[in-house]
Amino acid sequence: MATSKTPRTKSAAATAAAASKAATATTAARTSKAPKAANVATTGGAEEVVTGPMMRKKELIDAVVAASGAKKKDAKPVVEAMLKVMGNALRDGRELNLHPFGSVKVRRAKDMVKARVLTTKIRQRKPEAIEAANAAAAEDSASE
């Protein structure tokens, strides 16, 4: 005795409820203040790049305050001005050479309807290279 199985279809209400639930979960994940898990991206090279949670301007200001000991009300306008100057320089196609952050070059720029997409290359020196350069500079100044 063979039983025929008919495919079950969801009602329109059930489909709408599922879509609403998925949209709510996506929105909650996007607006969550909790740090997100690290993402692993494979580059054209042999090594994988592990990216952590995104740093927002507020977190940057808090980190600058913690690192410098300055008051937040003093550090905030300086950080905002620095970001504005850096953004303007990138917009103008200028190369930034800001050690230890690194050197930043704009490789491609594409104007979109609501934004301008910049593809950049950031090159950072390895800590060992920085230490070696500092040691060589200290040796040169000591020999003078």
N, C-alpha and C. Protein backbone atom coordinates (compact mmCIF):
# COMPACT_ATOMS: atom_id res chain seq x y z
N MET A 1 0.84 -1.17 0.00
CA MET A 1 0.00 0.00 0.00
C MET A 1 0.89 1.24 0.00
N ALA A 2 0.88 1.92 -1.08
CA ALA A 2 1.71 3.11 -1.22
C ALA A 2 0.92 4.34 -0.84
N THR A 3 1.56 5.16 -0.05
CA THR A 3 0.89 6.41 0.31
C THR A 3 1.55 7.53 -0.46
N SER A 4 0.75 8.38 -1.00
CA SER A 4 1.32 9.50 -1.74
C SER A 4 1.51 10.66 -0.79
N LYS A 5 2.68 11.23 -0.87
CA LYS A 5 2.97 12.38 -0.02
C LYS A 5 2.80 13.63 -0.86
N THR A 6 1.97 14.50 -0.39
CA THR A 6 1.79 15.76 -1.09
C THR A 6 2.65 16.80 -0.40
N PRO A 7 3.29 17.64 -1.16
CA PRO A 7 4.13 18.66 -0.54
C PRO A 7 3.28 19.60 0.29
N ARG A 8 3.79 19.91 1.47
CA ARG A 8 3.07 20.83 2.34
C ARG A 8 3.47 22.26 2.00
N THR A 9 2.52 23.10 1.87
CA THR A 9 2.80 24.51 1.60
C THR A 9 2.40 25.32 2.81
N LYS A 10 3.13 26.36 3.06
CA LYS A 10 2.84 27.24 4.18
C LYS A 10 1.75 28.23 3.77
N SER A 11 0.95 28.58 4.72
CA SER A 11 -0.05 29.59 4.44
C SER A 11 0.65 30.94 4.32
N ALA A 12 -0.04 31.88 3.76
CA ALA A 12 0.54 33.22 3.59
C ALA A 12 0.87 33.83 4.93
N ALA A 13 0.03 33.58 5.94
CA ALA A 13 0.27 34.14 7.27
C ALA A 13 1.54 33.53 7.89
N ALA A 14 1.71 32.21 7.73
CA ALA A 14 2.89 31.55 8.28
C ALA A 14 4.15 32.04 7.59
N THR A 15 4.08 32.23 6.28
CA THR A 15 5.23 32.74 5.53
C THR A 15 5.58 34.15 5.97
N ALA A 16 4.59 35.00 6.14
CA ALA A 16 4.81 36.37 6.59
C ALA A 16 5.39 36.40 7.99
N ALA A 17 4.90 35.51 8.87
CA ALA A 17 5.42 35.45 10.23
C ALA A 17 6.88 35.02 10.24
N ALA A 18 7.23 34.05 9.41
CA ALA A 18 8.61 33.58 9.33
C ALA A 18 9.52 34.69 8.80
N ALA A 19 9.06 35.41 7.80
CA ALA A 19 9.85 36.50 7.23
C ALA A 19 10.05 37.61 8.25
N SER A 20 9.00 37.91 9.00
CA SER A 20 9.09 38.95 10.03
C SER A 20 10.07 38.54 11.12
N LYS A 21 10.03 37.28 11.52
CA LYS A 21 10.94 36.78 12.55
C LYS A 21 12.39 36.86 12.06
N ALA A 22 12.64 36.49 10.81
CA ALA A 22 13.99 36.55 10.26
C ALA A 22 14.48 38.00 10.17
N ALA A 23 13.61 38.90 9.76
CA ALA A 23 13.98 40.32 9.66
C ALA A 23 14.29 40.89 11.03
N THR A 24 13.51 40.50 12.04
CA THR A 24 13.74 40.98 13.40
C THR A 24 15.08 40.47 13.92
N ALA A 25 15.38 39.21 13.65
CA ALA A 25 16.66 38.64 14.09
C ALA A 25 17.83 39.33 13.41
N THR A 26 17.69 39.62 12.12
CA THR A 26 18.76 40.31 11.38
C THR A 26 18.96 41.71 11.91
N THR A 27 17.88 42.44 12.17
CA THR A 27 17.97 43.79 12.70
C THR A 27 18.59 43.78 14.09
N ALA A 28 18.19 42.83 14.93
CA ALA A 28 18.75 42.74 16.27
C ALA A 28 20.24 42.46 16.21
N ALA A 29 20.66 41.60 15.31
CA ALA A 29 22.08 41.28 15.18
C ALA A 29 22.86 42.49 14.68
N ARG A 30 22.27 43.26 13.79
CA ARG A 30 22.94 44.41 13.20
C ARG A 30 23.08 45.54 14.22
N THR A 31 22.09 45.72 15.10
CA THR A 31 22.11 46.83 16.04
C THR A 31 22.61 46.44 17.41
N SER A 32 23.03 45.21 17.58
CA SER A 32 23.49 44.74 18.87
C SER A 32 24.76 45.46 19.28
N LYS A 33 24.86 45.83 20.56
CA LYS A 33 26.04 46.50 21.07
C LYS A 33 27.13 45.49 21.46
N ALA A 34 26.76 44.21 21.53
CA ALA A 34 27.74 43.20 21.91
C ALA A 34 28.76 43.02 20.79
N PRO A 35 30.02 42.74 21.15
CA PRO A 35 31.03 42.51 20.11
C PRO A 35 30.68 41.30 19.29
N LYS A 36 30.94 41.40 18.02
CA LYS A 36 30.64 40.29 17.11
C LYS A 36 31.83 39.35 17.06
N ALA A 37 31.57 38.13 16.67
CA ALA A 37 32.64 37.14 16.57
C ALA A 37 33.58 37.52 15.44
N ALA A 38 34.79 37.04 15.54
CA ALA A 38 35.79 37.34 14.52
C ALA A 38 35.44 36.66 13.22
N ASN A 39 35.70 37.33 12.12
CA ASN A 39 35.47 36.79 10.78
C ASN A 39 36.81 36.36 10.20
N VAL A 40 36.80 35.30 9.43
CA VAL A 40 38.02 34.85 8.77
C VAL A 40 37.85 35.10 7.28
N ALA A 41 38.77 35.84 6.70
CA ALA A 41 38.74 36.13 5.28
C ALA A 41 40.01 35.61 4.64
N THR A 42 39.88 35.00 3.50
CA THR A 42 41.06 34.50 2.79
C THR A 42 41.47 35.53 1.76
N THR A 43 42.73 35.91 1.80
CA THR A 43 43.23 36.89 0.85
C THR A 43 43.86 36.16 -0.32
N GLY A 44 44.37 36.89 -1.26
CA GLY A 44 45.02 36.29 -2.41
C GLY A 44 46.30 35.57 -2.03
N GLY A 45 46.87 35.92 -0.87
CA GLY A 45 48.10 35.28 -0.40
C GLY A 45 47.80 33.96 0.28
N ALA A 46 48.79 33.42 0.93
CA ALA A 46 48.67 32.11 1.56
C ALA A 46 48.10 32.18 2.97
N GLU A 47 48.08 33.36 3.57
CA GLU A 47 47.64 33.43 4.95
C GLU A 47 46.20 33.91 5.06
N GLU A 48 45.55 33.50 6.15
CA GLU A 48 44.19 33.96 6.41
C GLU A 48 44.25 35.20 7.27
N VAL A 49 43.32 36.10 7.06
CA VAL A 49 43.24 37.32 7.84
C VAL A 49 42.05 37.19 8.77
N VAL A 50 42.28 37.34 10.05
CA VAL A 50 41.20 37.26 11.02
C VAL A 50 40.83 38.69 11.40
N THR A 51 39.58 39.03 11.16
CA THR A 51 39.11 40.36 11.49
C THR A 51 38.25 40.30 12.74
N GLY A 52 38.46 41.23 13.62
CA GLY A 52 37.69 41.29 14.85
C GLY A 52 36.48 42.18 14.66
N PRO A 53 35.86 42.57 15.76
CA PRO A 53 34.69 43.44 15.65
C PRO A 53 35.08 44.82 15.15
N MET A 54 34.14 45.49 14.51
CA MET A 54 34.38 46.81 13.94
C MET A 54 34.53 47.84 15.06
N MET A 55 35.49 48.74 14.92
CA MET A 55 35.66 49.82 15.88
C MET A 55 34.93 51.05 15.36
N ARG A 56 34.05 51.56 16.18
CA ARG A 56 33.30 52.77 15.84
C ARG A 56 34.01 54.00 16.40
N LYS A 57 33.55 55.19 16.03
CA LYS A 57 34.19 56.42 16.45
C LYS A 57 34.18 56.56 17.97
N LYS A 58 33.09 56.20 18.62
CA LYS A 58 33.00 56.30 20.08
C LYS A 58 34.06 55.43 20.74
N GLU A 59 34.24 54.21 20.23
CA GLU A 59 35.26 53.33 20.79
C GLU A 59 36.66 53.88 20.55
N LEU A 60 36.88 54.48 19.39
CA LEU A 60 38.17 55.08 19.08
C LEU A 60 38.47 56.21 20.05
N ILE A 61 37.49 57.05 20.30
CA ILE A 61 37.68 58.17 21.23
C ILE A 61 37.99 57.63 22.62
N ASP A 62 37.25 56.61 23.06
CA ASP A 62 37.50 56.01 24.38
C ASP A 62 38.90 55.41 24.46
N ALA A 63 39.37 54.78 23.38
CA ALA A 63 40.71 54.19 23.36
C ALA A 63 41.78 55.28 23.40
N VAL A 64 41.56 56.39 22.71
CA VAL A 64 42.51 57.51 22.72
C VAL A 64 42.57 58.11 24.12
N VAL A 65 41.42 58.25 24.76
CA VAL A 65 41.38 58.78 26.13
C VAL A 65 42.16 57.86 27.07
N ALA A 66 41.95 56.55 26.93
CA ALA A 66 42.64 55.59 27.79
C ALA A 66 44.15 55.59 27.54
N ALA A 67 44.55 55.70 26.27
CA ALA A 67 45.98 55.64 25.94
C ALA A 67 46.71 56.93 26.29
N SER A 68 46.02 58.07 26.18
CA SER A 68 46.71 59.35 26.37
C SER A 68 46.52 59.94 27.75
N GLY A 69 45.47 59.54 28.43
CA GLY A 69 45.18 60.12 29.73
C GLY A 69 44.49 61.47 29.63
N ALA A 70 44.16 61.89 28.42
CA ALA A 70 43.47 63.17 28.23
C ALA A 70 42.01 63.02 28.63
N LYS A 71 41.38 64.14 28.87
CA LYS A 71 39.95 64.12 29.18
C LYS A 71 39.17 63.89 27.90
N LYS A 72 38.03 63.23 28.02
CA LYS A 72 37.22 62.90 26.84
C LYS A 72 36.79 64.17 26.11
N LYS A 73 36.42 65.21 26.87
CA LYS A 73 35.97 66.45 26.22
C LYS A 73 37.10 67.12 25.44
N ASP A 74 38.36 66.85 25.81
CA ASP A 74 39.49 67.40 25.07
C ASP A 74 39.87 66.52 23.89
N ALA A 75 39.75 65.20 24.05
CA ALA A 75 40.19 64.27 23.01
C ALA A 75 39.19 64.18 21.85
N LYS A 76 37.89 64.29 22.15
CA LYS A 76 36.87 64.09 21.13
C LYS A 76 37.02 65.05 19.94
N PRO A 77 37.15 66.36 20.14
CA PRO A 77 37.29 67.24 18.96
C PRO A 77 38.58 66.99 18.18
N VAL A 78 39.63 66.57 18.86
CA VAL A 78 40.89 66.29 18.17
C VAL A 78 40.73 65.06 17.28
N VAL A 79 40.12 64.00 17.83
CA VAL A 79 39.91 62.78 17.04
C VAL A 79 39.00 63.06 15.85
N GLU A 80 37.92 63.81 16.08
CA GLU A 80 37.00 64.13 14.99
C GLU A 80 37.68 64.96 13.91
N ALA A 81 38.52 65.91 14.30
CA ALA A 81 39.25 66.72 13.32
C ALA A 81 40.24 65.86 12.55
N MET A 82 40.91 64.94 13.25
CA MET A 82 41.88 64.05 12.59
C MET A 82 41.16 63.17 11.55
N LEU A 83 40.02 62.63 11.91
CA LEU A 83 39.27 61.80 10.97
C LEU A 83 38.81 62.61 9.76
N LYS A 84 38.41 63.85 9.99
CA LYS A 84 37.98 64.72 8.89
C LYS A 84 39.14 65.01 7.94
N VAL A 85 40.30 65.31 8.50
CA VAL A 85 41.49 65.60 7.68
C VAL A 85 41.88 64.36 6.89
N MET A 86 41.89 63.19 7.54
CA MET A 86 42.24 61.95 6.84
C MET A 86 41.24 61.64 5.74
N GLY A 87 39.95 61.82 6.02
CA GLY A 87 38.91 61.57 5.01
C GLY A 87 39.06 62.50 3.81
N ASN A 88 39.35 63.77 4.08
CA ASN A 88 39.55 64.72 2.98
C ASN A 88 40.78 64.36 2.15
N ALA A 89 41.84 63.93 2.80
CA ALA A 89 43.06 63.55 2.08
C ALA A 89 42.79 62.33 1.19
N LEU A 90 42.07 61.35 1.70
CA LEU A 90 41.74 60.18 0.89
C LEU A 90 40.82 60.56 -0.26
N ARG A 91 39.87 61.45 -0.01
CA ARG A 91 38.97 61.91 -1.06
C ARG A 91 39.74 62.58 -2.18
N ASP A 92 40.79 63.32 -1.82
CA ASP A 92 41.60 64.02 -2.81
C ASP A 92 42.62 63.12 -3.49
N GLY A 93 42.65 61.84 -3.09
CA GLY A 93 43.57 60.89 -3.71
C GLY A 93 44.99 60.96 -3.17
N ARG A 94 45.17 61.59 -2.02
CA ARG A 94 46.51 61.71 -1.44
C ARG A 94 46.88 60.42 -0.71
N GLU A 95 48.16 60.15 -0.68
CA GLU A 95 48.69 59.02 0.08
C GLU A 95 48.94 59.48 1.51
N LEU A 96 48.57 58.65 2.47
CA LEU A 96 48.84 58.95 3.87
C LEU A 96 50.01 58.10 4.34
N ASN A 97 50.95 58.71 5.03
CA ASN A 97 52.08 58.00 5.59
C ASN A 97 52.10 58.30 7.07
N LEU A 98 51.41 57.48 7.86
CA LEU A 98 51.17 57.75 9.28
C LEU A 98 51.66 56.59 10.13
N HIS A 99 52.94 56.55 10.41
CA HIS A 99 53.48 55.46 11.22
C HIS A 99 53.16 55.70 12.68
N PRO A 100 52.77 54.72 13.44
CA PRO A 100 52.77 53.29 13.20
C PRO A 100 51.49 52.76 12.53
N PHE A 101 50.52 53.64 12.27
CA PHE A 101 49.31 53.19 11.58
C PHE A 101 49.65 52.53 10.26
N GLY A 102 50.50 53.15 9.49
CA GLY A 102 50.91 52.60 8.20
C GLY A 102 50.77 53.61 7.09
N SER A 103 51.11 53.19 5.90
CA SER A 103 50.91 54.05 4.74
C SER A 103 49.68 53.58 3.99
N VAL A 104 48.85 54.53 3.59
CA VAL A 104 47.58 54.24 2.95
C VAL A 104 47.59 54.84 1.55
N LYS A 105 47.30 54.02 0.55
CA LYS A 105 47.21 54.48 -0.83
C LYS A 105 45.83 54.13 -1.36
N VAL A 106 45.23 55.06 -2.09
CA VAL A 106 43.96 54.78 -2.76
C VAL A 106 44.29 54.09 -4.08
N ARG A 107 43.79 52.88 -4.24
CA ARG A 107 44.04 52.13 -5.47
C ARG A 107 42.98 52.41 -6.53
N ARG A 108 41.72 52.42 -6.10
CA ARG A 108 40.61 52.69 -7.03
C ARG A 108 39.55 53.50 -6.30
N ALA A 109 38.85 54.32 -7.04
CA ALA A 109 37.73 55.09 -6.51
C ALA A 109 36.57 54.95 -7.48
N LYS A 110 35.40 54.70 -6.93
CA LYS A 110 34.21 54.55 -7.76
C LYS A 110 33.09 55.37 -7.13
N ASP A 111 32.54 56.30 -7.92
CA ASP A 111 31.44 57.12 -7.44
C ASP A 111 30.13 56.36 -7.60
N MET A 112 29.41 56.23 -6.51
CA MET A 112 28.10 55.59 -6.50
C MET A 112 27.05 56.69 -6.31
N VAL A 113 25.79 56.29 -6.25
CA VAL A 113 24.72 57.28 -6.11
C VAL A 113 24.81 58.00 -4.77
N LYS A 114 24.98 57.23 -3.67
CA LYS A 114 24.98 57.83 -2.34
C LYS A 114 26.33 57.82 -1.66
N ALA A 115 27.34 57.29 -2.29
CA ALA A 115 28.64 57.19 -1.64
C ALA A 115 29.75 57.10 -2.68
N ARG A 116 30.95 57.21 -2.21
CA ARG A 116 32.13 57.01 -3.04
C ARG A 116 32.88 55.83 -2.43
N VAL A 117 33.13 54.81 -3.22
CA VAL A 117 33.79 53.61 -2.74
C VAL A 117 35.27 53.70 -3.08
N LEU A 118 36.09 53.61 -2.04
CA LEU A 118 37.54 53.67 -2.21
C LEU A 118 38.12 52.29 -1.92
N THR A 119 38.94 51.80 -2.82
CA THR A 119 39.70 50.58 -2.57
C THR A 119 41.10 51.04 -2.21
N THR A 120 41.52 50.70 -1.00
CA THR A 120 42.80 51.19 -0.52
C THR A 120 43.77 50.04 -0.22
N LYS A 121 45.01 50.40 -0.13
CA LYS A 121 46.05 49.47 0.29
C LYS A 121 46.70 50.09 1.51
N ILE A 122 46.74 49.34 2.60
CA ILE A 122 47.39 49.80 3.82
C ILE A 122 48.60 48.91 4.06
N ARG A 123 49.75 49.53 4.20
CA ARG A 123 50.98 48.77 4.44
C ARG A 123 51.52 49.17 5.79
N GLN A 124 51.61 48.18 6.69
CA GLN A 124 52.17 48.41 8.01
C GLN A 124 53.51 47.71 8.14
N ARG A 125 54.43 48.38 8.79
CA ARG A 125 55.71 47.75 9.07
C ARG A 125 55.53 46.75 10.21
N LYS A 126 56.29 45.68 10.15
CA LYS A 126 56.25 44.68 11.22
C LYS A 126 56.93 45.26 12.45
N PRO A 127 56.49 44.86 13.64
CA PRO A 127 57.09 45.40 14.86
C PRO A 127 58.60 45.18 14.94
N GLU A 128 59.08 44.05 14.41
CA GLU A 128 60.52 43.78 14.43
C GLU A 128 61.27 44.81 13.60
N ALA A 129 60.73 45.19 12.46
CA ALA A 129 61.36 46.17 11.59
C ALA A 129 61.38 47.54 12.25
N ILE A 130 60.33 47.87 12.97
CA ILE A 130 60.28 49.16 13.67
C ILE A 130 61.33 49.20 14.77
N GLU A 131 61.42 48.10 15.53
CA GLU A 131 62.41 48.04 16.61
C GLU A 131 63.83 48.15 16.05
N ALA A 132 64.11 47.46 14.95
CA ALA A 132 65.43 47.50 14.33
C ALA A 132 65.76 48.92 13.85
N ALA A 133 64.79 49.60 13.25
CA ALA A 133 65.01 50.97 12.78
C ALA A 133 65.24 51.91 13.95
N ASN A 134 64.49 51.73 15.04
CA ASN A 134 64.68 52.58 16.22
C ASN A 134 66.04 52.33 16.85
N ALA A 135 66.47 51.06 16.90
CA ALA A 135 67.78 50.74 17.47
C ALA A 135 68.90 51.34 16.62
N ALA A 136 68.76 51.27 15.30
CA ALA A 136 69.77 51.84 14.41
C ALA A 136 69.83 53.36 14.57
N ALA A 137 68.67 53.99 14.71
CA ALA A 137 68.64 55.44 14.87
C ALA A 137 69.26 55.83 16.22
N ALA A 138 68.99 55.06 17.26
CA ALA A 138 69.57 55.35 18.57
C ALA A 138 71.08 55.17 18.54
N GLU A 139 71.56 54.15 17.83
CA GLU A 139 73.00 53.90 17.71
C GLU A 139 73.68 55.04 16.96
N ASP A 140 73.01 55.52 15.89
CA ASP A 140 73.57 56.62 15.10
C ASP A 140 73.66 57.90 15.93
N SER A 141 72.63 58.18 16.72
CA SER A 141 72.64 59.40 17.52
C SER A 141 73.64 59.29 18.69
N ALA A 142 73.86 58.08 19.18
CA ALA A 142 74.83 57.89 20.27
C ALA A 142 76.26 58.04 19.77
N SER A 143 76.52 57.69 18.51
CA SER A 143 77.86 57.78 17.98
C SER A 143 78.24 59.20 17.57
N GLU A 144 77.28 60.09 17.51
CA GLU A 144 77.56 61.47 17.11
C GLU A 144 78.11 62.29 18.22
